[in-house]
N, C-alpha and C. Protein backbone atom coordinates (compact mmCIF):
# COMPACT_ATOMS: atom_id res chain seq x y z
N MET A 1 0.85 -1.16 0.00
CA MET A 1 0.00 0.00 0.00
C MET A 1 0.90 1.23 0.00
N THR A 2 0.53 2.21 -0.80
CA THR A 2 1.31 3.44 -0.88
C THR A 2 0.48 4.62 -0.39
N LYS A 3 1.11 5.77 -0.29
CA LYS A 3 0.43 6.98 0.17
C LYS A 3 -0.59 7.47 -0.84
N THR A 4 -0.37 7.19 -2.11
CA THR A 4 -1.26 7.65 -3.17
C THR A 4 -2.21 6.54 -3.57
N SER A 5 -3.51 6.77 -3.41
CA SER A 5 -4.50 5.78 -3.83
C SER A 5 -4.63 5.77 -5.34
N LYS A 6 -4.86 4.59 -5.89
CA LYS A 6 -5.02 4.46 -7.34
C LYS A 6 -6.23 3.58 -7.61
N PHE A 7 -7.16 4.10 -8.40
CA PHE A 7 -8.36 3.35 -8.77
C PHE A 7 -8.46 3.34 -10.28
N ALA A 8 -8.93 2.24 -10.85
CA ALA A 8 -9.09 2.11 -12.29
C ALA A 8 -10.58 2.09 -12.64
N TYR A 9 -10.93 2.79 -13.69
CA TYR A 9 -12.30 2.84 -14.18
C TYR A 9 -12.29 2.56 -15.67
N ALA A 10 -13.26 1.79 -16.13
CA ALA A 10 -13.37 1.49 -17.56
C ALA A 10 -13.97 2.67 -18.31
N ASP A 11 -14.73 3.50 -17.62
CA ASP A 11 -15.42 4.63 -18.24
C ASP A 11 -14.82 5.93 -17.72
N LYS A 12 -14.35 6.78 -18.62
CA LYS A 12 -13.70 8.03 -18.22
C LYS A 12 -14.66 8.94 -17.47
N ALA A 13 -15.93 8.95 -17.86
CA ALA A 13 -16.91 9.80 -17.19
C ALA A 13 -17.05 9.41 -15.72
N ARG A 14 -17.07 8.11 -15.44
CA ARG A 14 -17.16 7.66 -14.04
C ARG A 14 -15.89 8.01 -13.26
N ALA A 15 -14.77 7.90 -13.92
CA ALA A 15 -13.50 8.27 -13.27
C ALA A 15 -13.50 9.75 -12.90
N GLU A 16 -13.97 10.58 -13.82
CA GLU A 16 -14.01 12.01 -13.55
C GLU A 16 -15.02 12.34 -12.45
N ALA A 17 -16.14 11.63 -12.42
CA ALA A 17 -17.13 11.83 -11.36
C ALA A 17 -16.54 11.44 -10.01
N ALA A 18 -15.84 10.33 -9.97
CA ALA A 18 -15.22 9.89 -8.72
C ALA A 18 -14.12 10.86 -8.28
N ALA A 19 -13.35 11.35 -9.23
CA ALA A 19 -12.29 12.31 -8.90
C ALA A 19 -12.90 13.60 -8.40
N GLY A 20 -14.02 14.01 -8.97
CA GLY A 20 -14.70 15.21 -8.51
C GLY A 20 -15.21 15.06 -7.09
N ALA A 21 -15.77 13.91 -6.78
CA ALA A 21 -16.26 13.64 -5.43
C ALA A 21 -15.09 13.57 -4.45
N GLU A 22 -14.00 12.97 -4.87
CA GLU A 22 -12.81 12.86 -4.02
C GLU A 22 -12.16 14.21 -3.81
N ALA A 23 -12.18 15.04 -4.84
CA ALA A 23 -11.55 16.36 -4.75
C ALA A 23 -12.24 17.22 -3.70
N SER A 24 -13.55 17.02 -3.52
CA SER A 24 -14.26 17.79 -2.49
C SER A 24 -13.87 17.31 -1.09
N ALA A 25 -13.50 16.04 -0.98
CA ALA A 25 -13.09 15.49 0.32
C ALA A 25 -11.60 15.72 0.58
N LYS A 26 -10.79 15.52 -0.44
CA LYS A 26 -9.34 15.67 -0.33
C LYS A 26 -8.82 16.38 -1.57
N ALA A 27 -7.81 17.17 -1.40
CA ALA A 27 -7.18 17.82 -2.56
C ALA A 27 -6.30 16.83 -3.28
N GLY A 28 -6.20 16.96 -4.59
CA GLY A 28 -5.25 16.16 -5.33
C GLY A 28 -5.80 15.04 -6.18
N ALA A 29 -7.10 14.80 -6.16
CA ALA A 29 -7.65 13.73 -7.00
C ALA A 29 -7.57 14.16 -8.46
N LYS A 30 -7.09 13.25 -9.31
CA LYS A 30 -6.99 13.56 -10.73
C LYS A 30 -7.12 12.30 -11.56
N VAL A 31 -7.54 12.48 -12.80
CA VAL A 31 -7.71 11.37 -13.73
C VAL A 31 -6.50 11.36 -14.65
N VAL A 32 -5.84 10.19 -14.74
CA VAL A 32 -4.66 10.05 -15.61
C VAL A 32 -4.79 8.77 -16.41
N ASP A 33 -3.97 8.65 -17.44
CA ASP A 33 -3.99 7.43 -18.25
C ASP A 33 -3.20 6.31 -17.55
N PHE A 34 -3.24 5.13 -18.12
CA PHE A 34 -2.61 3.97 -17.49
C PHE A 34 -1.12 4.18 -17.27
N ASN A 35 -0.42 4.71 -18.26
CA ASN A 35 1.04 4.87 -18.13
C ASN A 35 1.39 5.83 -17.00
N ALA A 36 0.64 6.89 -16.84
CA ALA A 36 0.91 7.84 -15.76
C ALA A 36 0.63 7.19 -14.40
N ALA A 37 -0.43 6.40 -14.31
CA ALA A 37 -0.74 5.70 -13.05
C ALA A 37 0.34 4.67 -12.73
N LEU A 38 0.81 3.96 -13.73
CA LEU A 38 1.87 2.98 -13.52
C LEU A 38 3.16 3.65 -13.07
N ARG A 39 3.49 4.76 -13.69
CA ARG A 39 4.69 5.51 -13.31
C ARG A 39 4.59 5.95 -11.85
N GLN A 40 3.43 6.47 -11.44
CA GLN A 40 3.25 6.92 -10.06
C GLN A 40 3.34 5.75 -9.09
N ALA A 41 2.80 4.61 -9.48
CA ALA A 41 2.89 3.42 -8.62
C ALA A 41 4.34 3.02 -8.39
N TYR A 42 5.14 3.02 -9.45
CA TYR A 42 6.56 2.66 -9.29
C TYR A 42 7.30 3.68 -8.43
N LEU A 43 7.02 4.96 -8.62
CA LEU A 43 7.67 5.99 -7.80
C LEU A 43 7.29 5.85 -6.33
N ASP A 44 6.01 5.58 -6.08
CA ASP A 44 5.56 5.39 -4.70
C ASP A 44 6.22 4.17 -4.06
N MET A 45 6.33 3.08 -4.82
CA MET A 45 6.98 1.88 -4.28
C MET A 45 8.45 2.15 -3.98
N ALA A 46 9.12 2.92 -4.82
CA ALA A 46 10.52 3.25 -4.57
C ALA A 46 10.66 4.06 -3.29
N GLU A 47 9.79 5.05 -3.09
CA GLU A 47 9.84 5.85 -1.86
C GLU A 47 9.56 4.99 -0.63
N ASP A 48 8.60 4.09 -0.73
CA ASP A 48 8.29 3.20 0.39
C ASP A 48 9.47 2.28 0.71
N THR A 49 10.14 1.78 -0.31
CA THR A 49 11.29 0.90 -0.11
C THR A 49 12.42 1.64 0.59
N ILE A 50 12.66 2.87 0.19
CA ILE A 50 13.70 3.68 0.83
C ILE A 50 13.37 3.89 2.30
N MET A 51 12.11 4.22 2.60
CA MET A 51 11.68 4.44 3.98
C MET A 51 11.85 3.17 4.81
N LEU A 52 11.44 2.02 4.26
CA LEU A 52 11.56 0.76 4.99
C LEU A 52 13.01 0.40 5.26
N ARG A 53 13.88 0.60 4.28
CA ARG A 53 15.29 0.29 4.48
C ARG A 53 15.89 1.17 5.56
N LYS A 54 15.49 2.43 5.60
CA LYS A 54 15.98 3.35 6.62
C LYS A 54 15.53 2.89 8.01
N ARG A 55 14.24 2.53 8.14
CA ARG A 55 13.73 2.06 9.43
C ARG A 55 14.42 0.79 9.88
N ARG A 56 14.63 -0.13 8.96
CA ARG A 56 15.31 -1.39 9.32
C ARG A 56 16.74 -1.12 9.77
N GLY A 57 17.41 -0.21 9.10
CA GLY A 57 18.77 0.15 9.50
C GLY A 57 18.81 0.74 10.89
N GLU A 58 17.83 1.60 11.20
CA GLU A 58 17.75 2.18 12.54
C GLU A 58 17.48 1.11 13.59
N MET A 59 16.62 0.15 13.23
CA MET A 59 16.31 -0.93 14.18
C MET A 59 17.54 -1.82 14.42
N ARG A 60 18.33 -2.06 13.37
CA ARG A 60 19.54 -2.86 13.54
C ARG A 60 20.54 -2.15 14.43
N LYS A 61 20.70 -0.85 14.24
CA LYS A 61 21.63 -0.08 15.08
C LYS A 61 21.18 -0.11 16.54
N LYS A 62 19.87 0.06 16.75
CA LYS A 62 19.33 0.05 18.11
C LYS A 62 19.54 -1.32 18.76
N ALA A 63 19.30 -2.40 18.00
CA ALA A 63 19.47 -3.75 18.54
C ALA A 63 20.93 -4.06 18.84
N ALA A 64 21.83 -3.58 18.01
CA ALA A 64 23.26 -3.83 18.22
C ALA A 64 23.80 -3.06 19.42
N GLY A 65 23.19 -1.92 19.73
CA GLY A 65 23.66 -1.08 20.84
C GLY A 65 23.20 -1.58 22.19
N GLN A 66 22.26 -2.49 22.23
CA GLN A 66 21.73 -2.95 23.52
C GLN A 66 22.40 -4.20 23.98
């Protein structure tokens, strides 16, 4: 799971309606094509991996110091 939610719709009109409803609840909802969504998914996974590696490193240092 990443910080950015991603939903797929077969109908562009429904996607835009959902984005409009989401935009009223949260800022940042937008409709993009498949390639843009895929690119964002990979970027989010990379950021999550970096964060996890950092946390694991901190946990190893803490465990070694005790």
